[in-house]
N, C-alpha and C. Protein backbone atom coordinates (compact mmCIF):
# COMPACT_ATOMS: atom_id res chain seq x y z
N MET A 1 88.89 109.13 108.30
CA MET A 1 89.30 108.51 106.89
C MET A 1 87.67 108.62 105.84
N THR A 2 88.47 109.47 105.19
CA THR A 2 87.33 109.93 104.20
C THR A 2 87.49 109.41 102.47
N GLU A 3 88.76 108.99 102.54
CA GLU A 3 89.10 108.10 100.96
C GLU A 3 88.45 106.83 100.82
N THR A 4 88.27 106.28 99.66
CA THR A 4 87.65 104.97 99.63
C THR A 4 88.41 104.05 98.38
N LEU A 5 88.46 103.25 98.54
CA LEU A 5 89.43 102.36 97.60
C LEU A 5 88.22 101.07 97.05
N ARG A 6 87.86 101.18 95.80
CA ARG A 6 86.83 100.17 95.19
C ARG A 6 87.61 98.87 94.71
N LEU A 7 86.93 97.67 95.06
CA LEU A 7 87.49 96.56 94.44
C LEU A 7 87.02 96.02 92.90
N PRO A 8 87.30 95.60 92.19
CA PRO A 8 86.78 95.08 91.17
C PRO A 8 85.78 93.64 91.66
N SER A 9 84.92 93.14 90.97
CA SER A 9 84.25 92.19 91.86
C SER A 9 84.92 90.69 91.76
N ARG A 10 85.68 90.41 90.89
CA ARG A 10 86.68 89.31 91.05
C ARG A 10 87.36 89.14 92.37
N SER A 11 87.74 90.32 93.02
CA SER A 11 88.44 90.52 94.43
C SER A 11 87.43 90.42 95.46
N ARG A 12 86.35 90.34 95.80
CA ARG A 12 85.37 90.60 97.05
C ARG A 12 85.51 89.29 97.46
N ALA A 13 85.57 88.33 97.42
CA ALA A 13 85.55 86.94 97.83
C ALA A 13 86.44 87.11 98.71
N ARG A 14 87.74 87.13 98.42
CA ARG A 14 88.99 86.94 99.21
C ARG A 14 88.86 88.19 100.38
N ALA A 15 88.66 89.17 100.00
CA ALA A 15 88.62 90.20 101.19
C ALA A 15 87.52 90.19 102.12
N LEU A 16 86.63 89.45 101.75
CA LEU A 16 85.17 89.14 102.71
C LEU A 16 85.68 87.97 103.54
N GLN A 17 86.39 87.38 103.20
CA GLN A 17 86.91 86.16 104.11
C GLN A 17 88.02 86.74 105.14
N GLY A 18 88.41 87.93 104.95
CA GLY A 18 89.20 88.46 106.15
C GLY A 18 90.59 88.59 106.02
N HIS A 19 90.97 88.20 104.63
CA HIS A 19 92.31 88.29 104.39
C HIS A 19 93.09 89.41 104.72
N PRO A 20 94.32 89.93 105.49
CA PRO A 20 94.72 90.89 105.69
C PRO A 20 95.34 91.90 104.66
N TRP A 21 95.52 91.44 103.26
CA TRP A 21 96.04 92.18 102.24
C TRP A 21 95.53 91.87 101.21
N LEU A 22 95.69 93.02 100.13
CA LEU A 22 95.29 92.44 98.74
C LEU A 22 96.67 92.93 98.13
N PHE A 23 96.57 92.14 96.91
CA PHE A 23 98.14 92.10 95.76
C PHE A 23 97.33 93.32 94.92
N ALA A 24 98.78 94.09 94.49
CA ALA A 24 98.23 95.01 93.08
C ALA A 24 97.36 94.81 92.10
N ASN A 25 97.32 93.47 91.90
CA ASN A 25 96.81 93.26 90.66
C ASN A 25 95.29 92.70 91.04
N GLU A 26 95.01 93.02 91.98
CA GLU A 26 93.54 92.78 92.54
C GLU A 26 92.95 94.04 92.87
N LEU A 27 93.50 95.15 92.74
CA LEU A 27 92.81 96.72 93.16
C LEU A 27 93.03 97.24 91.59
N ARG A 28 92.02 98.59 91.46
CA ARG A 28 91.97 98.90 90.48
C ARG A 28 93.32 99.97 90.08
N GLU A 29 94.22 100.23 89.34
CA GLU A 29 95.31 100.71 89.24
C GLU A 29 95.27 102.05 89.44
N ALA A 30 94.19 102.78 88.78
CA ALA A 30 94.31 104.29 88.72
C ALA A 30 93.86 104.69 90.05
N GLU A 31 92.85 104.22 90.87
CA GLU A 31 92.44 104.42 92.02
C GLU A 31 93.31 104.14 93.33
N ALA A 32 94.14 103.17 93.01
CA ALA A 32 95.22 102.65 94.26
C ALA A 32 96.31 103.85 94.08
N ALA A 33 96.81 104.57 92.61
CA ALA A 33 97.73 105.31 92.48
C ALA A 33 97.40 106.60 93.11
N ALA A 34 96.21 106.93 93.19
CA ALA A 34 95.80 108.46 93.33
C ALA A 34 95.52 108.26 95.18
N LEU A 35 95.47 106.94 95.34
CA LEU A 35 95.65 106.92 97.35
C LEU A 35 96.87 106.37 97.63
N ALA A 36 98.05 106.56 97.24
CA ALA A 36 99.43 106.06 97.65
C ALA A 36 99.57 106.80 99.12
N GLY A 37 99.55 105.85 100.07
CA GLY A 37 99.91 106.38 101.16
C GLY A 37 99.09 106.82 102.25
N GLU A 38 97.88 106.63 101.62
CA GLU A 38 96.51 106.99 102.48
C GLU A 38 95.76 105.88 103.25
N ALA A 39 95.04 106.19 104.26
CA ALA A 39 94.27 105.01 104.96
C ALA A 39 93.15 105.32 104.28
N CYS A 40 92.25 104.51 103.98
CA CYS A 40 90.99 104.28 103.26
C CYS A 40 90.51 103.28 103.39
N ALA A 41 89.26 103.34 103.23
CA ALA A 41 87.93 102.33 103.34
C ALA A 41 88.16 101.30 102.09
N LEU A 42 88.15 100.20 102.14
CA LEU A 42 88.14 99.29 101.11
C LEU A 42 86.67 98.91 101.02
N ARG A 43 86.09 98.92 99.71
CA ARG A 43 84.65 98.38 99.55
C ARG A 43 84.59 97.87 98.22
N ASP A 44 83.55 96.78 98.11
CA ASP A 44 83.42 95.76 97.07
C ASP A 44 82.87 96.93 95.77
N ALA A 45 82.42 96.00 94.67
CA ALA A 45 82.43 96.65 93.41
C ALA A 45 80.77 97.55 93.69
N ARG A 46 80.01 96.98 94.79
CA ARG A 46 78.69 97.37 94.68
C ARG A 46 78.75 98.23 96.11
N GLY A 47 79.95 98.56 96.74
CA GLY A 47 79.86 99.81 97.81
C GLY A 47 79.69 98.99 99.13
N HIS A 48 79.66 97.95 99.32
CA HIS A 48 79.74 97.09 100.88
C HIS A 48 81.15 97.24 101.37
N PHE A 49 81.20 97.65 102.53
CA PHE A 49 82.63 97.99 103.17
C PHE A 49 83.19 96.80 103.69
N LEU A 50 84.45 96.97 103.15
CA LEU A 50 85.20 95.45 103.74
C LEU A 50 86.08 95.40 104.72
N GLY A 51 86.61 96.83 105.32
CA GLY A 51 87.81 97.31 105.88
C GLY A 51 88.76 98.31 105.93
N SER A 52 89.30 98.32 106.53
CA SER A 52 90.27 100.16 106.51
C SER A 52 91.56 99.50 106.56
N GLY A 53 92.45 99.97 105.80
CA GLY A 53 93.68 99.83 105.31
C GLY A 53 94.31 101.19 105.03
N VAL A 54 95.78 100.51 104.70
CA VAL A 54 96.44 101.75 103.87
C VAL A 54 96.88 101.14 102.61
N VAL A 55 97.08 102.07 101.65
CA VAL A 55 97.30 101.86 100.08
C VAL A 55 98.79 101.94 100.21
N ASN A 56 99.55 101.07 99.32
CA ASN A 56 100.92 101.11 98.36
C ASN A 56 101.01 100.65 97.64
N PRO A 57 100.66 101.43 96.21
CA PRO A 57 100.55 100.52 95.01
C PRO A 57 101.91 100.52 94.43
N GLY A 58 102.86 100.81 94.98
CA GLY A 58 104.45 100.23 94.37
C GLY A 58 105.14 99.00 94.96
N SER A 59 103.97 98.68 95.79
CA SER A 59 104.40 97.07 96.60
C SER A 59 103.65 95.72 95.97
N ALA A 60 104.13 94.66 95.75
CA ALA A 60 103.46 93.55 95.54
C ALA A 60 102.04 93.53 96.17
N ILE A 61 102.27 93.77 97.40
CA ILE A 61 100.94 93.96 98.58
C ILE A 61 100.87 95.42 98.92
N ALA A 62 99.61 95.73 97.93
CA ALA A 62 99.06 96.84 97.63
C ALA A 62 98.08 97.73 98.81
N TRP A 63 97.49 97.04 99.61
CA TRP A 63 96.39 97.14 100.54
C TRP A 63 96.88 96.24 101.95
N ARG A 64 97.37 97.04 102.94
CA ARG A 64 97.08 96.31 104.27
C ARG A 64 95.96 96.46 105.21
N ARG A 65 95.22 95.79 105.70
CA ARG A 65 94.30 96.14 106.67
C ARG A 65 94.67 96.11 107.93
N PHE A 66 94.20 97.64 108.47
CA PHE A 66 94.65 97.80 110.18
C PHE A 66 94.49 96.64 110.98
């Protein structure tokens, strides 16, 4: 898994609490669209690893944790 999805700073706290998914409005749209269907690492705005999951920007739930 070499792809990385970064979050805006406003989404960090929710992901750090271990929430198993993120909604599309919590992700950077251009990055999510480029990673559609890919397994990727999720990182906060500073680059800290938050988890691994699959991206689906066409869904309301755009990232699901493995």
